[in-house]
């Protein structure tokens, strides 16, 4: 098993960008000075890109316990003022992870029986 450390790191970067975008556009205006709020998140992108092969391995190796842990992690870290949108995004992530699981099961069906 490969774990989910790299997937969590990727989610953390995506959530950091999401938070900054929400904060930036909360007043409906964008000012160039607000770009500085994204520096920390931009600095993390190279590490996520570098770990992409490990992320793919982790996704391909997810078991049910890891899926549930990822969903709990995301739900704990993803907090926005609009509860309807938050619930929708969390449900969408849960469905996406389930879809990944189905695709992996389908791939296993194509393998010759041992």
N, C-alpha and C. Protein backbone atom coordinates (compact mmCIF):
# COMPACT_ATOMS: atom_id res chain seq x y z
N UNK A 1 0.84 -1.18 0.00
CA UNK A 1 0.00 0.00 0.00
C UNK A 1 0.88 1.25 0.00
N UNK A 2 0.42 2.23 -0.74
CA UNK A 2 1.22 3.45 -0.89
C UNK A 2 0.80 4.57 0.06
N UNK A 3 -0.35 4.44 0.71
CA UNK A 3 -0.82 5.50 1.60
C UNK A 3 -1.52 6.61 0.84
N UNK A 4 -1.73 7.74 1.52
CA UNK A 4 -2.44 8.86 0.90
C UNK A 4 -1.79 10.21 1.22
N UNK A 5 -0.56 10.19 1.65
CA UNK A 5 0.14 11.42 2.04
C UNK A 5 0.21 12.43 0.89
N UNK A 6 0.57 11.97 -0.30
CA UNK A 6 0.71 12.88 -1.44
C UNK A 6 -0.65 13.39 -1.92
N UNK A 7 -1.66 12.55 -1.85
CA UNK A 7 -3.01 13.00 -2.23
C UNK A 7 -3.47 14.09 -1.29
N UNK A 8 -3.23 13.90 0.01
CA UNK A 8 -3.61 14.92 0.99
C UNK A 8 -2.88 16.24 0.72
N UNK A 9 -1.60 16.15 0.36
CA UNK A 9 -0.83 17.37 0.07
C UNK A 9 -1.42 18.09 -1.14
N UNK A 10 -1.83 17.32 -2.16
CA UNK A 10 -2.44 17.92 -3.34
C UNK A 10 -3.77 18.59 -2.98
N UNK A 11 -4.57 17.92 -2.16
CA UNK A 11 -5.85 18.49 -1.72
C UNK A 11 -5.61 19.76 -0.93
N UNK A 12 -4.61 19.75 -0.07
CA UNK A 12 -4.31 20.94 0.74
C UNK A 12 -3.97 22.14 -0.13
N UNK A 13 -3.20 21.92 -1.18
CA UNK A 13 -2.86 23.02 -2.09
C UNK A 13 -4.11 23.53 -2.81
N UNK A 14 -4.93 22.60 -3.29
CA UNK A 14 -6.17 23.00 -3.98
C UNK A 14 -7.10 23.77 -3.05
N UNK A 15 -7.20 23.33 -1.81
CA UNK A 15 -8.05 24.03 -0.85
C UNK A 15 -7.48 25.40 -0.50
N UNK A 16 -6.16 25.49 -0.43
CA UNK A 16 -5.54 26.80 -0.17
C UNK A 16 -5.88 27.80 -1.26
N UNK A 17 -5.79 27.35 -2.52
CA UNK A 17 -6.18 28.22 -3.63
C UNK A 17 -7.66 28.59 -3.54
N UNK A 18 -8.49 27.63 -3.22
CA UNK A 18 -9.93 27.89 -3.12
C UNK A 18 -10.23 28.94 -2.06
N UNK A 19 -9.58 28.80 -0.90
CA UNK A 19 -9.79 29.78 0.17
C UNK A 19 -9.37 31.18 -0.28
N UNK A 20 -8.21 31.26 -0.90
CA UNK A 20 -7.73 32.57 -1.34
C UNK A 20 -8.64 33.17 -2.41
N UNK A 21 -9.12 32.33 -3.32
CA UNK A 21 -10.04 32.84 -4.35
C UNK A 21 -11.32 33.38 -3.71
N UNK A 22 -11.87 32.64 -2.76
CA UNK A 22 -13.09 33.10 -2.08
C UNK A 22 -12.83 34.41 -1.36
N UNK A 23 -11.69 34.51 -0.66
CA UNK A 23 -11.37 35.74 0.05
C UNK A 23 -11.16 36.90 -0.91
N UNK A 24 -10.50 36.62 -2.02
CA UNK A 24 -10.19 37.66 -3.00
C UNK A 24 -11.46 38.23 -3.64
N UNK A 25 -12.37 37.36 -3.99
CA UNK A 25 -13.57 37.81 -4.72
C UNK A 25 -14.78 38.02 -3.82
N UNK A 26 -14.59 37.95 -2.52
CA UNK A 26 -15.69 38.13 -1.58
C UNK A 26 -16.34 39.51 -1.73
N UNK A 27 -15.54 40.52 -2.00
CA UNK A 27 -16.09 41.87 -2.16
C UNK A 27 -16.46 42.18 -3.60
N UNK A 28 -16.29 41.21 -4.49
CA UNK A 28 -16.66 41.41 -5.89
C UNK A 28 -15.64 42.19 -6.69
N UNK A 29 -14.53 42.52 -6.08
CA UNK A 29 -13.49 43.30 -6.75
C UNK A 29 -12.17 42.55 -6.68
N UNK A 30 -11.33 42.80 -7.65
CA UNK A 30 -9.99 42.21 -7.63
C UNK A 30 -8.98 43.33 -7.71
N UNK A 31 -8.00 43.28 -6.83
CA UNK A 31 -6.92 44.25 -6.84
C UNK A 31 -5.61 43.50 -7.01
N UNK A 32 -4.72 44.07 -7.77
CA UNK A 32 -3.43 43.42 -8.05
C UNK A 32 -2.68 43.06 -6.77
N UNK A 33 -2.82 43.86 -5.75
CA UNK A 33 -2.12 43.58 -4.49
C UNK A 33 -2.58 42.26 -3.86
N UNK A 34 -3.77 41.80 -4.24
CA UNK A 34 -4.29 40.54 -3.69
C UNK A 34 -3.56 39.31 -4.24
N UNK A 35 -2.80 39.49 -5.32
CA UNK A 35 -2.02 38.38 -5.86
C UNK A 35 -1.00 37.87 -4.84
N UNK A 36 -0.53 38.76 -3.97
CA UNK A 36 0.45 38.36 -2.96
C UNK A 36 -0.12 37.32 -1.99
N UNK A 37 -1.45 37.28 -1.86
CA UNK A 37 -2.08 36.30 -0.97
C UNK A 37 -1.90 34.87 -1.48
N UNK A 38 -1.58 34.71 -2.77
CA UNK A 38 -1.46 33.39 -3.37
C UNK A 38 -0.02 32.86 -3.37
N UNK A 39 0.93 33.64 -2.91
CA UNK A 39 2.34 33.26 -3.00
C UNK A 39 2.63 31.91 -2.33
N UNK A 40 2.11 31.72 -1.12
CA UNK A 40 2.37 30.45 -0.41
C UNK A 40 1.84 29.26 -1.20
N UNK A 41 0.64 29.43 -1.77
CA UNK A 41 0.05 28.34 -2.54
C UNK A 41 0.81 28.08 -3.83
N UNK A 42 1.22 29.14 -4.52
CA UNK A 42 2.02 28.97 -5.74
C UNK A 42 3.34 28.26 -5.44
N UNK A 43 3.91 28.55 -4.29
CA UNK A 43 5.20 27.95 -3.93
C UNK A 43 5.08 26.44 -3.72
N UNK A 44 3.88 25.95 -3.42
CA UNK A 44 3.68 24.52 -3.18
C UNK A 44 3.43 23.73 -4.47
N UNK A 45 3.15 24.40 -5.56
CA UNK A 45 2.82 23.71 -6.81
C UNK A 45 3.96 22.82 -7.31
N UNK A 46 5.21 23.29 -7.32
CA UNK A 46 6.28 22.41 -7.82
C UNK A 46 6.37 21.08 -7.08
N UNK A 47 6.15 21.09 -5.77
CA UNK A 47 6.21 19.85 -4.99
C UNK A 47 5.07 18.91 -5.39
N UNK A 48 3.88 19.45 -5.63
CA UNK A 48 2.76 18.62 -6.06
C UNK A 48 3.04 18.03 -7.44
N UNK A 49 3.57 18.85 -8.33
CA UNK A 49 3.88 18.38 -9.68
C UNK A 49 4.95 17.29 -9.61
N UNK A 50 5.96 17.49 -8.80
CA UNK A 50 7.04 16.52 -8.65
C UNK A 50 6.52 15.19 -8.07
N UNK A 51 5.50 15.28 -7.23
CA UNK A 51 4.98 14.06 -6.60
C UNK A 51 3.84 13.42 -7.39
N UNK A 52 3.57 13.93 -8.61
CA UNK A 52 2.46 13.39 -9.40
C UNK A 52 2.55 11.88 -9.61
N UNK A 53 3.71 11.29 -9.93
CA UNK A 53 3.76 9.83 -10.06
C UNK A 53 3.32 9.10 -8.78
N UNK A 54 3.72 9.63 -7.63
CA UNK A 54 3.32 9.02 -6.36
C UNK A 54 1.82 9.21 -6.12
N UNK A 55 1.29 10.35 -6.52
CA UNK A 55 -0.15 10.61 -6.37
C UNK A 55 -0.94 9.60 -7.20
N UNK A 56 -0.50 9.36 -8.43
CA UNK A 56 -1.18 8.38 -9.27
C UNK A 56 -1.14 6.99 -8.64
N UNK A 57 0.01 6.60 -8.10
CA UNK A 57 0.12 5.30 -7.44
C UNK A 57 -0.83 5.22 -6.24
N UNK A 58 -0.88 6.29 -5.47
CA UNK A 58 -1.77 6.30 -4.31
C UNK A 58 -3.23 6.17 -4.73
N UNK A 59 -3.62 6.90 -5.77
CA UNK A 59 -5.00 6.80 -6.26
C UNK A 59 -5.32 5.39 -6.74
N UNK A 60 -4.40 4.79 -7.46
CA UNK A 60 -4.62 3.44 -7.98
C UNK A 60 -4.66 2.39 -6.88
N UNK A 61 -4.12 2.71 -5.72
CA UNK A 61 -4.01 1.76 -4.62
C UNK A 61 -5.01 2.04 -3.48
N UNK A 62 -5.91 2.99 -3.66
CA UNK A 62 -6.84 3.36 -2.58
C UNK A 62 -7.70 2.18 -2.16
N UNK A 63 -7.81 2.01 -0.85
CA UNK A 63 -8.78 1.04 -0.34
C UNK A 63 -9.91 1.83 0.34
N UNK A 64 -10.92 1.14 0.81
CA UNK A 64 -12.09 1.82 1.38
C UNK A 64 -11.73 2.67 2.60
N UNK A 65 -10.83 2.19 3.43
CA UNK A 65 -10.42 2.94 4.61
C UNK A 65 -9.75 4.25 4.19
N UNK A 66 -8.88 4.19 3.20
CA UNK A 66 -8.19 5.40 2.72
C UNK A 66 -9.18 6.37 2.07
N UNK A 67 -10.14 5.85 1.32
CA UNK A 67 -11.16 6.70 0.71
C UNK A 67 -11.93 7.47 1.79
N UNK A 68 -12.33 6.75 2.81
CA UNK A 68 -13.07 7.40 3.90
C UNK A 68 -12.21 8.43 4.62
N UNK A 69 -10.93 8.11 4.81
CA UNK A 69 -10.02 9.06 5.45
C UNK A 69 -9.87 10.33 4.61
N UNK A 70 -9.77 10.16 3.28
CA UNK A 70 -9.67 11.33 2.40
C UNK A 70 -10.93 12.18 2.46
N UNK A 71 -12.08 11.52 2.47
CA UNK A 71 -13.34 12.26 2.55
C UNK A 71 -13.45 13.03 3.87
N UNK A 72 -13.05 12.40 4.97
CA UNK A 72 -13.07 13.07 6.27
C UNK A 72 -12.09 14.25 6.29
N UNK A 73 -10.91 14.03 5.72
CA UNK A 73 -9.91 15.09 5.66
C UNK A 73 -10.44 16.28 4.87
N UNK A 74 -11.00 15.99 3.71
CA UNK A 74 -11.53 17.06 2.87
C UNK A 74 -12.66 17.79 3.58
N UNK A 75 -13.59 17.06 4.17
CA UNK A 75 -14.72 17.69 4.86
C UNK A 75 -14.25 18.56 6.02
N UNK A 76 -13.20 18.11 6.71
CA UNK A 76 -12.68 18.89 7.84
C UNK A 76 -11.97 20.16 7.37
N UNK A 77 -11.29 20.09 6.24
CA UNK A 77 -10.50 21.21 5.74
C UNK A 77 -11.30 22.17 4.85
N UNK A 78 -12.33 21.65 4.20
CA UNK A 78 -13.10 22.45 3.25
C UNK A 78 -14.27 23.09 3.98
N UNK A 79 -14.18 24.37 4.21
CA UNK A 79 -15.23 25.08 4.92
C UNK A 79 -15.48 26.40 4.22
N UNK A 80 -16.67 26.55 3.66
CA UNK A 80 -17.03 27.80 3.01
C UNK A 80 -18.34 28.29 3.61
N UNK A 81 -18.63 29.56 3.46
CA UNK A 81 -19.85 30.11 4.06
C UNK A 81 -21.15 29.52 3.50
N UNK A 82 -21.16 29.13 2.25
CA UNK A 82 -22.39 28.62 1.64
C UNK A 82 -22.49 27.11 1.88
N UNK A 83 -23.35 26.72 2.83
CA UNK A 83 -23.46 25.31 3.22
C UNK A 83 -23.98 24.43 2.09
N UNK A 84 -24.84 24.98 1.23
CA UNK A 84 -25.35 24.19 0.11
C UNK A 84 -24.22 23.83 -0.86
N UNK A 85 -23.39 24.80 -1.18
CA UNK A 85 -22.27 24.55 -2.09
C UNK A 85 -21.28 23.61 -1.42
N UNK A 86 -21.02 23.81 -0.14
CA UNK A 86 -20.09 22.93 0.58
C UNK A 86 -20.58 21.48 0.53
N UNK A 87 -21.86 21.27 0.80
CA UNK A 87 -22.42 19.91 0.77
C UNK A 87 -22.33 19.32 -0.63
N UNK A 88 -22.60 20.15 -1.65
CA UNK A 88 -22.52 19.68 -3.03
C UNK A 88 -21.10 19.25 -3.38
N UNK A 89 -20.12 20.07 -3.04
CA UNK A 89 -18.72 19.77 -3.37
C UNK A 89 -18.26 18.51 -2.63
N UNK A 90 -18.64 18.37 -1.37
CA UNK A 90 -18.26 17.19 -0.62
C UNK A 90 -18.90 15.93 -1.22
N UNK A 91 -20.17 16.03 -1.63
CA UNK A 91 -20.83 14.88 -2.28
C UNK A 91 -20.18 14.58 -3.62
N UNK A 92 -19.81 15.61 -4.36
CA UNK A 92 -19.15 15.41 -5.66
C UNK A 92 -17.81 14.70 -5.47
N UNK A 93 -17.06 15.08 -4.45
CA UNK A 93 -15.78 14.42 -4.18
C UNK A 93 -16.00 12.95 -3.81
N UNK A 94 -17.00 12.71 -2.98
CA UNK A 94 -17.30 11.32 -2.60
C UNK A 94 -17.65 10.50 -3.84
N UNK A 95 -18.45 11.06 -4.74
CA UNK A 95 -18.81 10.35 -5.97
C UNK A 95 -17.60 10.15 -6.87
N UNK A 96 -16.72 11.14 -6.94
CA UNK A 96 -15.53 11.02 -7.78
C UNK A 96 -14.62 9.91 -7.26
N UNK A 97 -14.45 9.84 -5.94
CA UNK A 97 -13.61 8.79 -5.37
C UNK A 97 -14.25 7.42 -5.61
N UNK A 98 -15.57 7.36 -5.51
CA UNK A 98 -16.26 6.09 -5.80
C UNK A 98 -16.09 5.71 -7.26
N UNK A 99 -16.12 6.69 -8.13
CA UNK A 99 -15.94 6.42 -9.56
C UNK A 99 -14.54 5.88 -9.83
N UNK A 100 -13.55 6.44 -9.18
CA UNK A 100 -12.18 5.94 -9.32
C UNK A 100 -12.13 4.47 -8.90
N UNK A 101 -12.80 4.17 -7.80
CA UNK A 101 -12.85 2.79 -7.32
C UNK A 101 -13.51 1.87 -8.34
N UNK A 102 -14.61 2.31 -8.93
CA UNK A 102 -15.29 1.50 -9.95
C UNK A 102 -14.40 1.27 -11.17
N UNK A 103 -13.69 2.28 -11.60
CA UNK A 103 -12.80 2.15 -12.75
C UNK A 103 -11.71 1.12 -12.43
N UNK A 104 -11.17 1.18 -11.22
CA UNK A 104 -10.13 0.23 -10.85
C UNK A 104 -10.69 -1.20 -10.80
N UNK A 105 -11.91 -1.35 -10.31
CA UNK A 105 -12.54 -2.67 -10.29
C UNK A 105 -12.77 -3.17 -11.71
N UNK A 106 -13.17 -2.28 -12.59
CA UNK A 106 -13.40 -2.64 -13.99
C UNK A 106 -12.10 -3.10 -14.64
N UNK A 107 -11.01 -2.39 -14.34
CA UNK A 107 -9.70 -2.79 -14.87
C UNK A 107 -9.34 -4.19 -14.39
N UNK A 108 -9.65 -4.49 -13.13
CA UNK A 108 -9.35 -5.81 -12.59
C UNK A 108 -10.18 -6.90 -13.28
N UNK A 109 -11.39 -6.58 -13.72
CA UNK A 109 -12.22 -7.55 -14.43
C UNK A 109 -11.59 -7.96 -15.76
N UNK A 110 -10.84 -7.05 -16.34
CA UNK A 110 -10.23 -7.30 -17.64
C UNK A 110 -8.99 -8.20 -17.53
N UNK A 111 -8.46 -8.33 -16.31
CA UNK A 111 -7.27 -9.16 -16.11
C UNK A 111 -7.68 -10.63 -16.13
N UNK A 112 -6.83 -11.49 -16.66
CA UNK A 112 -7.15 -12.92 -16.68
C UNK A 112 -7.24 -13.47 -15.25
N UNK A 113 -8.14 -14.39 -15.04
CA UNK A 113 -8.31 -15.01 -13.73
C UNK A 113 -7.06 -15.84 -13.39
N UNK A 114 -6.71 -15.80 -12.14
CA UNK A 114 -5.50 -16.53 -11.70
C UNK A 114 -5.80 -17.98 -11.43
